[in-house]
Amino acid sequence: MAVKIKTKHGLIDINNNVIATVVGGAATDNFGVVGMASKNQIRDNVNDILKKDNYARGVVVRQNDNGISVDVNIIVSFGTKISEVCKNVQSKVKYNLETMLGISANAVNVIVQGVRVLD
């Protein structure tokens, strides 16, 4: 599925993989986030941190009538306040979706899949 935006010049289709890449980039750009995790770790057989080209496997995009809702699966750094990291991820994802793609996010749900100790 894709998000369709109608303008005076025509129609713009934005694929969910593009949205997932923007969301993943915004999420991993926050302090305390080690990386993205797979939304289905058992099925994907992935227990590691996702790389930039696999951000779509850690993000779920659902479309509503008046916007989208996004689930972001992250791994946080040990010693950080998880609630603050999640709030920062929510605000940055929402901001990037609005400024980069012109899409309003109704909900940004952050799922912490794990905690890693950094050297």
N, C-alpha and C. Protein backbone atom coordinates (compact mmCIF):
# COMPACT_ATOMS: atom_id res chain seq x y z
N MET A 1 0.83 -1.18 0.00
CA MET A 1 0.00 0.00 0.00
C MET A 1 0.87 1.24 0.00
N ALA A 2 0.28 2.32 -0.41
CA ALA A 2 1.00 3.57 -0.47
C ALA A 2 0.10 4.70 0.01
N VAL A 3 0.74 5.75 0.49
CA VAL A 3 0.02 6.94 0.89
C VAL A 3 -0.14 7.81 -0.35
N LYS A 4 -1.34 8.25 -0.61
CA LYS A 4 -1.61 9.08 -1.79
C LYS A 4 -1.91 10.49 -1.33
N ILE A 5 -1.21 11.46 -1.93
CA ILE A 5 -1.40 12.87 -1.64
C ILE A 5 -1.81 13.55 -2.93
N LYS A 6 -2.96 14.21 -2.91
CA LYS A 6 -3.44 14.89 -4.10
C LYS A 6 -3.06 16.36 -4.02
N THR A 7 -2.38 16.84 -5.04
CA THR A 7 -2.00 18.24 -5.14
C THR A 7 -2.65 18.84 -6.37
N LYS A 8 -2.45 20.14 -6.56
CA LYS A 8 -3.03 20.79 -7.74
C LYS A 8 -2.33 20.37 -9.03
N HIS A 9 -1.12 19.81 -8.91
CA HIS A 9 -0.36 19.38 -10.08
C HIS A 9 -0.54 17.90 -10.40
N GLY A 10 -1.14 17.16 -9.50
CA GLY A 10 -1.33 15.73 -9.73
C GLY A 10 -1.34 14.94 -8.44
N LEU A 11 -1.07 13.64 -8.58
CA LEU A 11 -1.12 12.71 -7.46
C LEU A 11 0.28 12.26 -7.08
N ILE A 12 0.56 12.19 -5.78
CA ILE A 12 1.84 11.72 -5.27
C ILE A 12 1.60 10.43 -4.50
N ASP A 13 2.29 9.35 -4.86
CA ASP A 13 2.23 8.08 -4.15
C ASP A 13 3.54 7.88 -3.39
N ILE A 14 3.42 7.67 -2.09
CA ILE A 14 4.61 7.40 -1.27
C ILE A 14 4.47 5.99 -0.73
N ASN A 15 5.40 5.13 -1.12
CA ASN A 15 5.38 3.72 -0.73
C ASN A 15 5.66 3.57 0.76
N ASN A 16 5.12 2.51 1.37
CA ASN A 16 5.34 2.26 2.79
C ASN A 16 6.81 2.01 3.12
N ASN A 17 7.58 1.47 2.17
CA ASN A 17 9.02 1.27 2.41
C ASN A 17 9.75 2.59 2.54
N VAL A 18 9.32 3.59 1.81
CA VAL A 18 9.91 4.93 1.94
C VAL A 18 9.58 5.51 3.31
N ILE A 19 8.34 5.35 3.73
CA ILE A 19 7.94 5.84 5.05
C ILE A 19 8.73 5.12 6.13
N ALA A 20 8.91 3.81 5.98
CA ALA A 20 9.66 3.03 6.97
C ALA A 20 11.12 3.46 7.03
N THR A 21 11.71 3.80 5.90
CA THR A 21 13.10 4.26 5.89
C THR A 21 13.24 5.60 6.59
N VAL A 22 12.31 6.51 6.34
CA VAL A 22 12.33 7.82 7.01
C VAL A 22 12.13 7.65 8.51
N VAL A 23 11.20 6.79 8.90
CA VAL A 23 10.94 6.53 10.32
C VAL A 23 12.16 5.89 10.99
N GLY A 24 12.78 4.91 10.33
CA GLY A 24 13.96 4.25 10.89
C GLY A 24 15.13 5.19 11.04
N GLY A 25 15.33 6.05 10.05
CA GLY A 25 16.40 7.04 10.15
C GLY A 25 16.18 8.02 11.27
N ALA A 26 14.94 8.45 11.44
CA ALA A 26 14.62 9.39 12.53
C ALA A 26 14.77 8.73 13.89
N ALA A 27 14.37 7.46 13.98
CA ALA A 27 14.44 6.76 15.27
C ALA A 27 15.89 6.53 15.69
N THR A 28 16.73 6.10 14.77
CA THR A 28 18.11 5.78 15.13
C THR A 28 18.97 7.03 15.32
N ASP A 29 18.45 8.19 14.98
CA ASP A 29 19.20 9.43 15.12
C ASP A 29 19.11 10.00 16.53
N ASN A 30 18.39 9.35 17.43
CA ASN A 30 18.21 9.82 18.79
C ASN A 30 19.27 9.24 19.73
N PHE A 31 19.63 10.04 20.74
CA PHE A 31 20.56 9.57 21.77
C PHE A 31 19.89 8.46 22.57
N GLY A 32 20.60 7.38 22.80
CA GLY A 32 20.09 6.27 23.57
C GLY A 32 19.55 5.13 22.73
N VAL A 33 19.37 5.36 21.44
CA VAL A 33 18.90 4.30 20.55
C VAL A 33 20.11 3.64 19.91
N VAL A 34 20.27 2.34 20.17
CA VAL A 34 21.39 1.59 19.59
C VAL A 34 21.10 1.25 18.14
N GLY A 35 19.85 0.89 17.86
CA GLY A 35 19.47 0.55 16.50
C GLY A 35 18.04 0.06 16.43
N MET A 36 17.67 -0.39 15.24
CA MET A 36 16.33 -0.91 14.99
C MET A 36 16.32 -2.42 15.19
N ALA A 37 15.19 -2.95 15.63
CA ALA A 37 15.02 -4.39 15.79
C ALA A 37 13.93 -4.85 14.83
N SER A 38 13.97 -6.12 14.47
CA SER A 38 12.96 -6.68 13.58
C SER A 38 11.63 -6.80 14.32
N LYS A 39 10.54 -6.52 13.62
CA LYS A 39 9.22 -6.62 14.25
C LYS A 39 8.81 -8.07 14.48
N ASN A 40 9.39 -9.00 13.74
CA ASN A 40 9.11 -10.42 13.87
C ASN A 40 10.43 -11.17 14.00
N GLN A 41 11.04 -11.13 15.15
CA GLN A 41 12.37 -11.70 15.31
C GLN A 41 12.37 -13.21 15.13
N ILE A 42 11.31 -13.89 15.50
CA ILE A 42 11.28 -15.35 15.35
C ILE A 42 11.17 -15.73 13.88
N ARG A 43 10.25 -15.08 13.16
CA ARG A 43 10.05 -15.40 11.75
C ARG A 43 11.25 -14.98 10.90
N ASP A 44 11.78 -13.79 11.16
CA ASP A 44 12.91 -13.29 10.38
C ASP A 44 14.22 -13.93 10.78
N ASN A 45 14.25 -14.60 11.95
CA ASN A 45 15.45 -15.21 12.48
C ASN A 45 16.57 -14.17 12.61
N VAL A 46 16.17 -13.00 13.03
CA VAL A 46 17.13 -11.90 13.18
C VAL A 46 17.14 -11.49 14.64
N ASN A 47 18.28 -11.59 15.27
CA ASN A 47 18.42 -11.18 16.65
C ASN A 47 19.40 -10.02 16.77
N ASP A 48 19.80 -9.50 15.63
CA ASP A 48 20.77 -8.42 15.60
C ASP A 48 20.10 -7.09 15.29
N ILE A 49 20.91 -6.07 15.29
CA ILE A 49 20.45 -4.73 14.96
C ILE A 49 20.34 -4.63 13.44
N LEU A 50 19.22 -4.06 12.97
CA LEU A 50 19.01 -3.93 11.53
C LEU A 50 19.87 -2.81 10.97
N LYS A 51 20.35 -3.00 9.77
CA LYS A 51 21.12 -1.98 9.06
C LYS A 51 20.17 -1.03 8.34
N LYS A 52 20.70 0.05 7.78
CA LYS A 52 19.87 1.06 7.13
C LYS A 52 19.01 0.51 6.00
N ASP A 53 19.49 -0.48 5.27
CA ASP A 53 18.72 -1.00 4.15
C ASP A 53 17.59 -1.93 4.61
N ASN A 54 17.54 -2.29 5.89
CA ASN A 54 16.50 -3.19 6.41
C ASN A 54 15.57 -2.51 7.41
N TYR A 55 15.52 -1.18 7.44
CA TYR A 55 14.67 -0.48 8.39
C TYR A 55 13.20 -0.86 8.23
N ALA A 56 12.77 -1.22 7.04
CA ALA A 56 11.36 -1.57 6.81
C ALA A 56 10.95 -2.80 7.61
N ARG A 57 11.90 -3.66 7.96
CA ARG A 57 11.56 -4.85 8.75
C ARG A 57 11.33 -4.53 10.22
N GLY A 58 11.67 -3.34 10.64
CA GLY A 58 11.47 -2.93 12.03
C GLY A 58 10.37 -1.91 12.22
N VAL A 59 9.68 -1.56 11.14
CA VAL A 59 8.64 -0.53 11.21
C VAL A 59 7.35 -1.09 10.61
N VAL A 60 6.24 -0.84 11.28
CA VAL A 60 4.92 -1.21 10.76
C VAL A 60 4.15 0.08 10.50
N VAL A 61 3.66 0.24 9.26
CA VAL A 61 2.91 1.42 8.87
C VAL A 61 1.46 1.01 8.61
N ARG A 62 0.54 1.65 9.33
CA ARG A 62 -0.89 1.42 9.12
C ARG A 62 -1.54 2.73 8.69
N GLN A 63 -2.39 2.65 7.67
CA GLN A 63 -3.03 3.85 7.15
C GLN A 63 -4.45 3.99 7.68
N ASN A 64 -4.77 5.20 8.11
CA ASN A 64 -6.11 5.54 8.59
C ASN A 64 -6.73 6.52 7.60
N ASP A 65 -7.96 6.95 7.89
CA ASP A 65 -8.64 7.90 7.01
C ASP A 65 -7.96 9.27 7.02
N ASN A 66 -7.49 9.69 8.16
CA ASN A 66 -6.92 11.04 8.28
C ASN A 66 -5.43 11.05 8.57
N GLY A 67 -4.71 10.00 8.29
CA GLY A 67 -3.27 9.95 8.52
C GLY A 67 -2.79 8.53 8.63
N ILE A 68 -1.65 8.37 9.27
CA ILE A 68 -1.07 7.04 9.44
C ILE A 68 -0.71 6.82 10.90
N SER A 69 -0.56 5.57 11.27
CA SER A 69 0.01 5.22 12.57
C SER A 69 1.21 4.32 12.32
N VAL A 70 2.24 4.49 13.13
CA VAL A 70 3.52 3.83 12.91
C VAL A 70 3.94 3.11 14.18
N ASP A 71 4.41 1.87 14.04
CA ASP A 71 5.03 1.12 15.13
C ASP A 71 6.52 1.04 14.85
N VAL A 72 7.33 1.44 15.82
CA VAL A 72 8.79 1.47 15.67
C VAL A 72 9.39 0.52 16.70
N ASN A 73 10.17 -0.46 16.25
CA ASN A 73 10.83 -1.42 17.13
C ASN A 73 12.29 -1.03 17.27
N ILE A 74 12.70 -0.71 18.50
CA ILE A 74 14.07 -0.23 18.71
C ILE A 74 14.77 -1.04 19.79
N ILE A 75 16.09 -0.86 19.83
CA ILE A 75 16.94 -1.39 20.89
C ILE A 75 17.61 -0.18 21.54
N VAL A 76 17.52 -0.08 22.85
CA VAL A 76 18.06 1.08 23.55
C VAL A 76 19.36 0.73 24.26
N SER A 77 20.08 1.77 24.60
CA SER A 77 21.35 1.63 25.29
C SER A 77 21.12 1.48 26.79
N PHE A 78 21.91 0.62 27.41
CA PHE A 78 21.83 0.41 28.85
C PHE A 78 22.26 1.69 29.56
N GLY A 79 21.52 2.07 30.59
CA GLY A 79 21.86 3.24 31.38
C GLY A 79 21.11 4.49 30.98
N THR A 80 20.32 4.42 29.93
CA THR A 80 19.52 5.57 29.55
C THR A 80 18.11 5.42 30.09
N LYS A 81 17.41 6.52 30.25
CA LYS A 81 16.03 6.48 30.73
C LYS A 81 15.15 6.12 29.54
N ILE A 82 14.59 4.92 29.57
CA ILE A 82 13.88 4.37 28.42
C ILE A 82 12.67 5.23 28.05
N SER A 83 11.95 5.73 29.03
CA SER A 83 10.76 6.53 28.73
C SER A 83 11.12 7.82 27.99
N GLU A 84 12.23 8.45 28.37
CA GLU A 84 12.66 9.68 27.69
C GLU A 84 13.15 9.38 26.28
N VAL A 85 13.87 8.28 26.12
CA VAL A 85 14.32 7.90 24.78
C VAL A 85 13.12 7.67 23.86
N CYS A 86 12.10 7.00 24.38
CA CYS A 86 10.90 6.72 23.58
C CYS A 86 10.15 8.00 23.23
N LYS A 87 10.05 8.94 24.17
CA LYS A 87 9.40 10.22 23.88
C LYS A 87 10.16 10.99 22.80
N ASN A 88 11.49 10.96 22.87
CA ASN A 88 12.29 11.63 21.86
C ASN A 88 12.11 10.98 20.49
N VAL A 89 12.04 9.66 20.46
CA VAL A 89 11.82 8.95 19.19
C VAL A 89 10.46 9.33 18.61
N GLN A 90 9.44 9.38 19.45
CA GLN A 90 8.11 9.74 18.98
C GLN A 90 8.08 11.13 18.37
N SER A 91 8.66 12.09 19.04
CA SER A 91 8.61 13.46 18.53
C SER A 91 9.46 13.62 17.27
N LYS A 92 10.62 12.97 17.21
CA LYS A 92 11.47 13.10 16.02
C LYS A 92 10.84 12.41 14.81
N VAL A 93 10.24 11.24 15.01
CA VAL A 93 9.58 10.53 13.91
C VAL A 93 8.42 11.36 13.38
N LYS A 94 7.62 11.89 14.28
CA LYS A 94 6.47 12.70 13.88
C LYS A 94 6.93 13.95 13.11
N TYR A 95 7.97 14.59 13.60
CA TYR A 95 8.50 15.79 12.94
C TYR A 95 9.04 15.47 11.55
N ASN A 96 9.82 14.39 11.42
CA ASN A 96 10.40 14.04 10.13
C ASN A 96 9.33 13.64 9.11
N LEU A 97 8.30 12.94 9.56
CA LEU A 97 7.23 12.58 8.63
C LEU A 97 6.51 13.82 8.11
N GLU A 98 6.30 14.80 8.98
CA GLU A 98 5.61 16.01 8.56
C GLU A 98 6.47 16.89 7.67
N THR A 99 7.76 17.03 7.99
CA THR A 99 8.61 17.92 7.21
C THR A 99 9.13 17.29 5.92
N MET A 100 9.49 16.02 5.97
CA MET A 100 10.08 15.38 4.79
C MET A 100 9.03 14.88 3.79
N LEU A 101 7.93 14.33 4.31
CA LEU A 101 6.96 13.69 3.43
C LEU A 101 5.60 14.39 3.40
N GLY A 102 5.35 15.28 4.32
CA GLY A 102 4.06 15.96 4.36
C GLY A 102 2.94 15.07 4.85
N ILE A 103 3.26 14.08 5.67
CA ILE A 103 2.28 13.13 6.19
C ILE A 103 2.14 13.36 7.69
N SER A 104 0.88 13.42 8.15
CA SER A 104 0.67 13.57 9.59
C SER A 104 0.51 12.18 10.21
N ALA A 105 1.22 11.95 11.28
CA ALA A 105 1.14 10.68 11.99
C ALA A 105 0.19 10.82 13.16
N ASN A 106 -0.86 10.02 13.17
CA ASN A 106 -1.80 10.04 14.29
C ASN A 106 -1.19 9.43 15.53
N ALA A 107 -0.41 8.36 15.35
CA ALA A 107 0.21 7.67 16.49
C ALA A 107 1.58 7.16 16.09
N VAL A 108 2.52 7.32 16.98
CA VAL A 108 3.85 6.74 16.83
C VAL A 108 4.07 5.86 18.05
N ASN A 109 3.95 4.56 17.86
CA ASN A 109 4.10 3.59 18.95
C ASN A 109 5.52 3.06 18.95
N VAL A 110 6.20 3.18 20.07
CA VAL A 110 7.58 2.73 20.19
C VAL A 110 7.59 1.44 21.01
N ILE A 111 8.16 0.38 20.42
CA ILE A 111 8.29 -0.91 21.09
C ILE A 111 9.77 -1.16 21.34
N VAL A 112 10.14 -1.27 22.61
CA VAL A 112 11.54 -1.52 22.96
C VAL A 112 11.73 -3.04 22.95
N GLN A 113 12.53 -3.53 22.02
CA GLN A 113 12.77 -4.96 21.86
C GLN A 113 13.93 -5.47 22.70
N GLY A 114 14.79 -4.57 23.15
CA GLY A 114 15.91 -5.02 23.93
C GLY A 114 16.76 -3.87 24.44
N VAL A 115 17.71 -4.22 25.30
CA VAL A 115 18.65 -3.26 25.87
C VAL A 115 20.05 -3.81 25.63
N ARG A 116 20.94 -2.98 25.14
CA ARG A 116 22.32 -3.40 24.87
C ARG A 116 23.28 -2.58 25.70
N VAL A 117 24.33 -3.24 26.16
CA VAL A 117 25.41 -2.58 26.87
C VAL A 117 26.47 -2.19 25.87
N LEU A 118 26.77 -0.89 25.80
CA LEU A 118 27.76 -0.41 24.87
C LEU A 118 29.12 -0.35 25.55
N ASP A 119 30.17 -0.57 24.76
CA ASP A 119 31.53 -0.50 25.30
C ASP A 119 31.94 0.91 25.56
